[in-house]
Amino acid sequence: NRLAPSDRAVIFHDMIRKSFRLRIAGYACEPDE
């Protein structure tokens, strides 16, 4: 929802693809969530 339309169009091509290596930071509100 918060991604710009131009980023939404390419995110699955440029970043979130099988075997691509990512570094992610995020919020863990529940232990197994």
PDB file of all heavy atoms in Angstrom:
ATOM      1  N   ASN A   1       0.809  -1.227   0.000  1.00  0.00           N
ATOM      2  CA  ASN A   1       0.000   0.000   0.000  1.00  0.00           C
ATOM      3  C   ASN A   1       0.837   1.269   0.000  1.00  0.00           C
ATOM      4  O   ASN A   1       0.454   2.250  -0.611  1.00  0.00           O
ATOM      5  CB  ASN A   1      -0.944   0.032   1.203  1.00  0.00           C
ATOM      6  CG  ASN A   1      -2.030  -0.996   1.098  1.00  0.00           C
ATOM      7  OD1 ASN A   1      -2.410  -1.388   0.008  1.00  0.00           O
ATOM      8  ND2 ASN A   1      -2.510  -1.447   2.235  1.00  0.00           N
ATOM      9  N   ARG A   2       1.943   1.273   0.707  1.00  0.00           N
ATOM     10  CA  ARG A   2       2.742   2.496   0.833  1.00  0.00           C
ATOM     11  C   ARG A   2       3.800   2.643  -0.248  1.00  0.00           C
ATOM     12  O   ARG A   2       4.535   3.611  -0.258  1.00  0.00           O
ATOM     13  CB  ARG A   2       3.396   2.540   2.209  1.00  0.00           C
ATOM     14  CG  ARG A   2       2.376   2.776   3.308  1.00  0.00           C
ATOM     15  CD  ARG A   2       2.991   2.774   4.663  1.00  0.00           C
ATOM     16  NE  ARG A   2       4.078   3.706   4.812  1.00  0.00           N
ATOM     17  CZ  ARG A   2       4.059   4.781   5.591  1.00  0.00           C
ATOM     18  NH1 ARG A   2       2.989   5.062   6.270  1.00  0.00           N
ATOM     19  NH2 ARG A   2       5.099   5.564   5.699  1.00  0.00           N
ATOM     20  N   LEU A   3       3.873   1.687  -1.173  1.00  0.00           N
ATOM     21  CA  LEU A   3       4.849   1.793  -2.248  1.00  0.00           C
ATOM     22  C   LEU A   3       4.328   2.697  -3.355  1.00  0.00           C
ATOM     23  O   LEU A   3       3.145   2.678  -3.678  1.00  0.00           O
ATOM     24  CB  LEU A   3       5.169   0.423  -2.833  1.00  0.00           C
ATOM     25  CG  LEU A   3       5.770  -0.613  -1.890  1.00  0.00           C
ATOM     26  CD1 LEU A   3       6.100  -1.876  -2.651  1.00  0.00           C
ATOM     27  CD2 LEU A   3       6.997  -0.089  -1.196  1.00  0.00           C
ATOM     28  N   ALA A   4       5.218   3.459  -3.942  1.00  0.00           N
ATOM     29  CA  ALA A   4       4.854   4.288  -5.090  1.00  0.00           C
ATOM     30  C   ALA A   4       4.500   3.371  -6.260  1.00  0.00           C
ATOM     31  O   ALA A   4       5.029   2.261  -6.360  1.00  0.00           O
ATOM     32  CB  ALA A   4       6.016   5.201  -5.464  1.00  0.00           C
ATOM     33  N   PRO A   5       3.611   3.793  -7.131  1.00  0.00           N
ATOM     34  CA  PRO A   5       3.229   2.941  -8.270  1.00  0.00           C
ATOM     35  C   PRO A   5       4.418   2.489  -9.121  1.00  0.00           C
ATOM     36  O   PRO A   5       4.450   1.357  -9.601  1.00  0.00           O
ATOM     37  CB  PRO A   5       2.287   3.833  -9.079  1.00  0.00           C
ATOM     38  CG  PRO A   5       1.722   4.783  -8.083  1.00  0.00           C
ATOM     39  CD  PRO A   5       2.820   5.013  -7.084  1.00  0.00           C
ATOM     40  N   SER A   6       5.417   3.336  -9.274  1.00  0.00           N
ATOM     41  CA  SER A   6       6.594   2.951 -10.062  1.00  0.00           C
ATOM     42  C   SER A   6       7.389   1.840  -9.377  1.00  0.00           C
ATOM     43  O   SER A   6       7.940   0.961 -10.042  1.00  0.00           O
ATOM     44  CB  SER A   6       7.488   4.164 -10.316  1.00  0.00           C
ATOM     45  OG  SER A   6       7.909   4.721  -9.085  1.00  0.00           O
ATOM     46  N   ASP A   7       7.452   1.857  -8.036  1.00  0.00           N
ATOM     47  CA  ASP A   7       8.159   0.811  -7.298  1.00  0.00           C
ATOM     48  C   ASP A   7       7.349  -0.484  -7.265  1.00  0.00           C
ATOM     49  O   ASP A   7       7.900  -1.572  -7.328  1.00  0.00           O
ATOM     50  CB  ASP A   7       8.459   1.259  -5.865  1.00  0.00           C
ATOM     51  CG  ASP A   7       9.417   2.421  -5.819  1.00  0.00           C
ATOM     52  OD1 ASP A   7      10.217   2.568  -6.759  1.00  0.00           O
ATOM     53  OD2 ASP A   7       9.354   3.198  -4.855  1.00  0.00           O
ATOM     54  N   ARG A   8       6.038  -0.361  -7.170  1.00  0.00           N
ATOM     55  CA  ARG A   8       5.165  -1.533  -7.164  1.00  0.00           C
ATOM     56  C   ARG A   8       5.289  -2.321  -8.463  1.00  0.00           C
ATOM     57  O   ARG A   8       5.207  -3.545  -8.467  1.00  0.00           O
ATOM     58  CB  ARG A   8       3.723  -1.074  -7.005  1.00  0.00           C
ATOM     59  CG  ARG A   8       2.936  -1.883  -6.032  1.00  0.00           C
ATOM     60  CD  ARG A   8       1.514  -1.450  -6.035  1.00  0.00           C
ATOM     61  NE  ARG A   8       1.230  -0.648  -4.872  1.00  0.00           N
ATOM     62  CZ  ARG A   8       0.039  -0.491  -4.372  1.00  0.00           C
ATOM     63  NH1 ARG A   8      -1.010  -1.020  -4.952  1.00  0.00           N
ATOM     64  NH2 ARG A   8      -0.146   0.237  -3.302  1.00  0.00           N
ATOM     65  N   ALA A   9       5.503  -1.610  -9.556  1.00  0.00           N
ATOM     66  CA  ALA A   9       5.584  -2.257 -10.863  1.00  0.00           C
ATOM     67  C   ALA A   9       6.841  -3.110 -11.012  1.00  0.00           C
ATOM     68  O   ALA A   9       6.847  -4.089 -11.752  1.00  0.00           O
ATOM     69  CB  ALA A   9       5.534  -1.205 -11.968  1.00  0.00           C
ATOM     70  N   VAL A  10       7.918  -2.758 -10.304  1.00  0.00           N
ATOM     71  CA  VAL A  10       9.191  -3.467 -10.508  1.00  0.00           C
ATOM     72  C   VAL A  10       9.671  -4.257  -9.293  1.00  0.00           C
ATOM     73  O   VAL A  10      10.714  -4.913  -9.367  1.00  0.00           O
ATOM     74  CB  VAL A  10      10.305  -2.478 -10.932  1.00  0.00           C
ATOM     75  CG1 VAL A  10       9.977  -1.843 -12.256  1.00  0.00           C
ATOM     76  CG2 VAL A  10      10.563  -1.432  -9.863  1.00  0.00           C
ATOM     77  N   ILE A  11       8.953  -4.225  -8.182  1.00  0.00           N
ATOM     78  CA  ILE A  11       9.464  -4.866  -6.966  1.00  0.00           C
ATOM     79  C   ILE A  11       9.669  -6.373  -7.138  1.00  0.00           C
ATOM     80  O   ILE A  11      10.632  -6.934  -6.640  1.00  0.00           O
ATOM     81  CB  ILE A  11       8.576  -4.564  -5.741  1.00  0.00           C
ATOM     82  CG1 ILE A  11       9.305  -4.995  -4.472  1.00  0.00           C
ATOM     83  CG2 ILE A  11       7.212  -5.205  -5.865  1.00  0.00           C
ATOM     84  CD1 ILE A  11       8.726  -4.452  -3.209  1.00  0.00           C
ATOM     85  N   PHE A  12       8.786  -7.034  -7.883  1.00  0.00           N
ATOM     86  CA  PHE A  12       8.925  -8.480  -8.062  1.00  0.00           C
ATOM     87  C   PHE A  12       9.959  -8.833  -9.124  1.00  0.00           C
ATOM     88  O   PHE A  12      10.393  -9.967  -9.221  1.00  0.00           O
ATOM     89  CB  PHE A  12       7.574  -9.115  -8.401  1.00  0.00           C
ATOM     90  CG  PHE A  12       6.604  -9.014  -7.267  1.00  0.00           C
ATOM     91  CD1 PHE A  12       5.546  -8.127  -7.324  1.00  0.00           C
ATOM     92  CD2 PHE A  12       6.771  -9.778  -6.128  1.00  0.00           C
ATOM     93  CE1 PHE A  12       4.661  -8.013  -6.263  1.00  0.00           C
ATOM     94  CE2 PHE A  12       5.892  -9.671  -5.061  1.00  0.00           C
ATOM     95  CZ  PHE A  12       4.834  -8.786  -5.137  1.00  0.00           C
ATOM     96  N   HIS A  13      10.363  -7.873  -9.895  1.00  0.00           N
ATOM     97  CA  HIS A  13      11.411  -8.107 -10.901  1.00  0.00           C
ATOM     98  C   HIS A  13      12.793  -7.772 -10.342  1.00  0.00           C
ATOM     99  O   HIS A  13      13.761  -8.483 -10.593  1.00  0.00           O
ATOM    100  CB  HIS A  13      11.138  -7.257 -12.148  1.00  0.00           C
ATOM    101  CG  HIS A  13      12.128  -7.484 -13.232  1.00  0.00           C
ATOM    102  ND1 HIS A  13      13.245  -6.709 -13.391  1.00  0.00           N
ATOM    103  CD2 HIS A  13      12.177  -8.420 -14.200  1.00  0.00           C
ATOM    104  CE1 HIS A  13      13.949  -7.158 -14.414  1.00  0.00           C
ATOM    105  NE2 HIS A  13      13.322  -8.198 -14.927  1.00  0.00           N
ATOM    106  N   ASP A  14      12.877  -6.690  -9.563  1.00  0.00           N
ATOM    107  CA  ASP A  14      14.171  -6.208  -9.084  1.00  0.00           C
ATOM    108  C   ASP A  14      14.563  -6.680  -7.695  1.00  0.00           C
ATOM    109  O   ASP A  14      15.747  -6.726  -7.370  1.00  0.00           O
ATOM    110  CB  ASP A  14      14.187  -4.670  -9.086  1.00  0.00           C
ATOM    111  CG  ASP A  14      14.144  -4.081 -10.474  1.00  0.00           C
ATOM    112  OD1 ASP A  14      14.307  -4.836 -11.449  1.00  0.00           O
ATOM    113  OD2 ASP A  14      13.940  -2.861 -10.591  1.00  0.00           O
ATOM    114  N   MET A  15      13.610  -7.013  -6.824  1.00  0.00           N
ATOM    115  CA  MET A  15      13.959  -7.330  -5.437  1.00  0.00           C
ATOM    116  C   MET A  15      13.439  -8.676  -4.956  1.00  0.00           C
ATOM    117  O   MET A  15      14.208  -9.513  -4.516  1.00  0.00           O
ATOM    118  CB  MET A  15      13.443  -6.239  -4.489  1.00  0.00           C
ATOM    119  CG  MET A  15      14.172  -4.937  -4.583  1.00  0.00           C
ATOM    120  SD  MET A  15      13.628  -3.798  -3.317  1.00  0.00           S
ATOM    121  CE  MET A  15      14.648  -4.314  -1.978  1.00  0.00           C
ATOM    122  N   ILE A  16      12.133  -8.851  -4.954  1.00  0.00           N
ATOM    123  CA  ILE A  16      11.552 -10.043  -4.338  1.00  0.00           C
ATOM    124  C   ILE A  16      11.411 -11.134  -5.396  1.00  0.00           C
ATOM    125  O   ILE A  16      10.368 -11.286  -6.024  1.00  0.00           O
ATOM    126  CB  ILE A  16      10.205  -9.715  -3.677  1.00  0.00           C
ATOM    127  CG1 ILE A  16      10.406  -8.631  -2.628  1.00  0.00           C
ATOM    128  CG2 ILE A  16       9.603 -10.963  -3.029  1.00  0.00           C
ATOM    129  CD1 ILE A  16       9.152  -8.157  -1.967  1.00  0.00           C
ATOM    130  N   ARG A  17      12.497 -11.837  -5.598  1.00  0.00           N
ATOM    131  CA  ARG A  17      12.543 -12.959  -6.538  1.00  0.00           C
ATOM    132  C   ARG A  17      13.234 -14.121  -5.858  1.00  0.00           C
ATOM    133  O   ARG A  17      14.121 -13.933  -5.020  1.00  0.00           O
ATOM    134  CB  ARG A  17      13.330 -12.590  -7.792  1.00  0.00           C
ATOM    135  CG  ARG A  17      12.596 -11.625  -8.685  1.00  0.00           C
ATOM    136  CD  ARG A  17      13.367 -11.288  -9.894  1.00  0.00           C
ATOM    137  NE  ARG A  17      13.469 -12.442 -10.792  1.00  0.00           N
ATOM    138  CZ  ARG A  17      14.050 -12.378 -11.972  1.00  0.00           C
ATOM    139  NH1 ARG A  17      14.564 -11.246 -12.388  1.00  0.00           N
ATOM    140  NH2 ARG A  17      14.113 -13.441 -12.733  1.00  0.00           N
ATOM    141  N   LYS A  18      12.845 -15.308  -6.226  1.00  0.00           N
ATOM    142  CA  LYS A  18      13.429 -16.505  -5.637  1.00  0.00           C
ATOM    143  C   LYS A  18      14.948 -16.478  -5.811  1.00  0.00           C
ATOM    144  O   LYS A  18      15.458 -16.161  -6.879  1.00  0.00           O
ATOM    145  CB  LYS A  18      12.837 -17.751  -6.292  1.00  0.00           C
ATOM    146  CG  LYS A  18      13.268 -19.022  -5.631  1.00  0.00           C
ATOM    147  CD  LYS A  18      12.582 -20.211  -6.236  1.00  0.00           C
ATOM    148  CE  LYS A  18      13.071 -21.473  -5.543  1.00  0.00           C
ATOM    149  NZ  LYS A  18      12.460 -22.662  -6.103  1.00  0.00           N
ATOM    150  N   SER A  19      15.650 -16.793  -4.731  1.00  0.00           N
ATOM    151  CA  SER A  19      17.111 -16.878  -4.647  1.00  0.00           C
ATOM    152  C   SER A  19      17.824 -15.532  -4.611  1.00  0.00           C
ATOM    153  O   SER A  19      19.041 -15.500  -4.532  1.00  0.00           O
ATOM    154  CB  SER A  19      17.691 -17.727  -5.776  1.00  0.00           C
ATOM    155  OG  SER A  19      17.207 -19.042  -5.679  1.00  0.00           O
ATOM    156  N   PHE A  20      17.104 -14.412  -4.666  1.00  0.00           N
ATOM    157  CA  PHE A  20      17.756 -13.120  -4.466  1.00  0.00           C
ATOM    158  C   PHE A  20      18.063 -12.983  -2.980  1.00  0.00           C
ATOM    159  O   PHE A  20      17.296 -13.391  -2.127  1.00  0.00           O
ATOM    160  CB  PHE A  20      16.843 -11.979  -4.906  1.00  0.00           C
ATOM    161  CG  PHE A  20      16.932 -11.630  -6.364  1.00  0.00           C
ATOM    162  CD1 PHE A  20      17.246 -12.578  -7.322  1.00  0.00           C
ATOM    163  CD2 PHE A  20      16.700 -10.340  -6.789  1.00  0.00           C
ATOM    164  CE1 PHE A  20      17.314 -12.260  -8.657  1.00  0.00           C
ATOM    165  CE2 PHE A  20      16.767 -10.007  -8.131  1.00  0.00           C
ATOM    166  CZ  PHE A  20      17.078 -10.969  -9.064  1.00  0.00           C
ATOM    167  N   ARG A  21      19.196 -12.397  -2.653  1.00  0.00           N
ATOM    168  CA  ARG A  21      19.600 -12.205  -1.262  1.00  0.00           C
ATOM    169  C   ARG A  21      19.167 -10.819  -0.805  1.00  0.00           C
ATOM    170  O   ARG A  21      19.508  -9.817  -1.422  1.00  0.00           O
ATOM    171  CB  ARG A  21      21.105 -12.372  -1.124  1.00  0.00           C
ATOM    172  CG  ARG A  21      21.601 -12.255   0.304  1.00  0.00           C
ATOM    173  CD  ARG A  21      23.047 -12.669   0.430  1.00  0.00           C
ATOM    174  NE  ARG A  21      23.225 -14.093   0.293  1.00  0.00           N
ATOM    175  CZ  ARG A  21      22.958 -14.995   1.227  1.00  0.00           C
ATOM    176  NH1 ARG A  21      22.479 -14.598   2.382  1.00  0.00           N
ATOM    177  NH2 ARG A  21      23.175 -16.264   1.022  1.00  0.00           N
ATOM    178  N   LEU A  22      18.404 -10.783   0.304  1.00  0.00           N
ATOM    179  CA  LEU A  22      17.898  -9.536   0.867  1.00  0.00           C
ATOM    180  C   LEU A  22      18.320  -9.393   2.323  1.00  0.00           C
ATOM    181  O   LEU A  22      18.524 -10.389   3.017  1.00  0.00           O
ATOM    182  CB  LEU A  22      16.369  -9.494   0.812  1.00  0.00           C
ATOM    183  CG  LEU A  22      15.695  -9.553  -0.544  1.00  0.00           C
ATOM    184  CD1 LEU A  22      14.181  -9.580  -0.374  1.00  0.00           C
ATOM    185  CD2 LEU A  22      16.104  -8.393  -1.410  1.00  0.00           C
ATOM    186  N   ARG A  23      18.422  -8.155   2.771  1.00  0.00           N
ATOM    187  CA  ARG A  23      18.598  -7.835   4.191  1.00  0.00           C
ATOM    188  C   ARG A  23      17.361  -7.051   4.592  1.00  0.00           C
ATOM    189  O   ARG A  23      17.045  -6.025   3.997  1.00  0.00           O
ATOM    190  CB  ARG A  23      19.837  -6.993   4.411  1.00  0.00           C
ATOM    191  CG  ARG A  23      20.075  -6.655   5.865  1.00  0.00           C
ATOM    192  CD  ARG A  23      21.347  -5.842   6.097  1.00  0.00           C
ATOM    193  NE  ARG A  23      22.421  -6.257   5.236  1.00  0.00           N
ATOM    194  CZ  ARG A  23      23.042  -5.444   4.362  1.00  0.00           C
ATOM    195  NH1 ARG A  23      22.692  -4.198   4.236  1.00  0.00           N
ATOM    196  NH2 ARG A  23      24.023  -5.895   3.609  1.00  0.00           N
ATOM    197  N   ILE A  24      16.649  -7.551   5.596  1.00  0.00           N
ATOM    198  CA  ILE A  24      15.375  -6.948   5.987  1.00  0.00           C
ATOM    199  C   ILE A  24      15.371  -6.628   7.480  1.00  0.00           C
ATOM    200  O   ILE A  24      15.829  -7.424   8.290  1.00  0.00           O
ATOM    201  CB  ILE A  24      14.198  -7.894   5.662  1.00  0.00           C
ATOM    202  CG1 ILE A  24      14.144  -8.149   4.163  1.00  0.00           C
ATOM    203  CG2 ILE A  24      12.883  -7.324   6.156  1.00  0.00           C
ATOM    204  CD1 ILE A  24      13.015  -9.041   3.730  1.00  0.00           C
ATOM    205  N   ALA A  25      14.819  -5.469   7.798  1.00  0.00           N
ATOM    206  CA  ALA A  25      14.551  -5.090   9.183  1.00  0.00           C
ATOM    207  C   ALA A  25      13.042  -4.929   9.308  1.00  0.00           C
ATOM    208  O   ALA A  25      12.391  -4.422   8.392  1.00  0.00           O
ATOM    209  CB  ALA A  25      15.257  -3.785   9.530  1.00  0.00           C
ATOM    210  N   GLY A  26      12.505  -5.399  10.429  1.00  0.00           N
ATOM    211  CA  GLY A  26      11.055  -5.311  10.589  1.00  0.00           C
ATOM    212  C   GLY A  26      10.628  -5.447  12.032  1.00  0.00           C
ATOM    213  O   GLY A  26      11.442  -5.678  12.923  1.00  0.00           O
ATOM    214  N   TYR A  27       9.334  -5.303  12.236  1.00  0.00           N
ATOM    215  CA  TYR A  27       8.742  -5.391  13.565  1.00  0.00           C
ATOM    216  C   TYR A  27       8.192  -6.786  13.814  1.00  0.00           C
ATOM    217  O   TYR A  27       7.452  -7.317  13.009  1.00  0.00           O
ATOM    218  CB  TYR A  27       7.608  -4.385  13.719  1.00  0.00           C
ATOM    219  CG  TYR A  27       8.050  -2.956  13.651  1.00  0.00           C
ATOM    220  CD1 TYR A  27       7.654  -2.134  12.602  1.00  0.00           C
ATOM    221  CD2 TYR A  27       8.860  -2.415  14.640  1.00  0.00           C
ATOM    222  CE1 TYR A  27       8.055  -0.817  12.544  1.00  0.00           C
ATOM    223  CE2 TYR A  27       9.268  -1.106  14.585  1.00  0.00           C
ATOM    224  CZ  TYR A  27       8.863  -0.307  13.531  1.00  0.00           C
ATOM    225  OH  TYR A  27       9.263   1.001  13.480  1.00  0.00           O
ATOM    226  N   ALA A  28       8.543  -7.362  14.958  1.00  0.00           N
ATOM    227  CA  ALA A  28       8.038  -8.667  15.380  1.00  0.00           C
ATOM    228  C   ALA A  28       7.197  -8.451  16.634  1.00  0.00           C
ATOM    229  O   ALA A  28       7.717  -8.423  17.746  1.00  0.00           O
ATOM    230  CB  ALA A  28       9.185  -9.623  15.653  1.00  0.00           C
ATOM    231  N   CYS A  29       5.886  -8.311  16.446  1.00  0.00           N
ATOM    232  CA  CYS A  29       4.995  -8.052  17.587  1.00  0.00           C
ATOM    233  C   CYS A  29       4.653  -9.335  18.341  1.00  0.00           C
ATOM    234  O   CYS A  29       4.486  -9.319  19.540  1.00  0.00           O
ATOM    235  CB  CYS A  29       3.737  -7.345  17.112  1.00  0.00           C
ATOM    236  SG  CYS A  29       4.069  -5.696  16.468  1.00  0.00           S
ATOM    237  N   GLU A  30       4.539 -10.446  17.633  1.00  0.00           N
ATOM    238  CA  GLU A  30       4.256 -11.748  18.229  1.00  0.00           C
ATOM    239  C   GLU A  30       5.408 -12.700  17.901  1.00  0.00           C
ATOM    240  O   GLU A  30       5.977 -12.621  16.810  1.00  0.00           O
ATOM    241  CB  GLU A  30       2.940 -12.317  17.698  1.00  0.00           C
ATOM    242  CG  GLU A  30       1.728 -11.469  18.000  1.00  0.00           C
ATOM    243  CD  GLU A  30       1.411 -11.402  19.477  1.00  0.00           C
ATOM    244  OE1 GLU A  30       1.611 -12.414  20.186  1.00  0.00           O
ATOM    245  OE2 GLU A  30       0.977 -10.326  19.938  1.00  0.00           O
ATOM    246  N   PRO A  31       5.755 -13.620  18.793  1.00  0.00           N
ATOM    247  CA  PRO A  31       6.918 -14.488  18.577  1.00  0.00           C
ATOM    248  C   PRO A  31       6.875 -15.355  17.311  1.00  0.00           C
ATOM    249  O   PRO A  31       7.859 -15.464  16.608  1.00  0.00           O
ATOM    250  CB  PRO A  31       6.946 -15.374  19.824  1.00  0.00           C
ATOM    251  CG  PRO A  31       6.102 -14.702  20.828  1.00  0.00           C
ATOM    252  CD  PRO A  31       5.134 -13.842  20.087  1.00  0.00           C
ATOM    253  N   ASP A  32       5.755 -15.963  16.997  1.00  0.00           N
ATOM    254  CA  ASP A  32       5.685 -16.871  15.851  1.00  0.00           C
ATOM    255  C   ASP A  32       4.990 -16.250  14.643  1.00  0.00           C
ATOM    256  O   ASP A  32       4.678 -16.949  13.690  1.00  0.00           O
ATOM    257  CB  ASP A  32       4.962 -18.162  16.256  1.00  0.00           C
ATOM    258  CG  ASP A  32       5.743 -18.936  17.306  1.00  0.00           C
ATOM    259  OD1 ASP A  32       6.987 -18.822  17.315  1.00  0.00           O
ATOM    260  OD2 ASP A  32       5.113 -19.629  18.121  1.00  0.00           O
ATOM    261  N   GLU A  33       4.751 -14.973  14.668  1.00  0.00           N
ATOM    262  CA  GLU A  33       4.055 -14.275  13.601  1.00  0.00           C
ATOM    263  C   GLU A  33       5.066 -13.787  12.554  1.00  0.00           C
ATOM    264  O   GLU A  33       6.239 -13.616  12.839  1.00  0.00           O
ATOM    265  CB  GLU A  33       3.321 -13.080  14.212  1.00  0.00           C
ATOM    266  CG  GLU A  33       2.407 -12.337  13.298  1.00  0.00           C
ATOM    267  CD  GLU A  33       1.695 -11.233  14.062  1.00  0.00           C
ATOM    268  OE1 GLU A  33       0.726 -11.548  14.759  1.00  0.00           O
ATOM    269  OE2 GLU A  33       2.133 -10.076  13.966  1.00  0.00           O
TER     270      GLU A  33
END
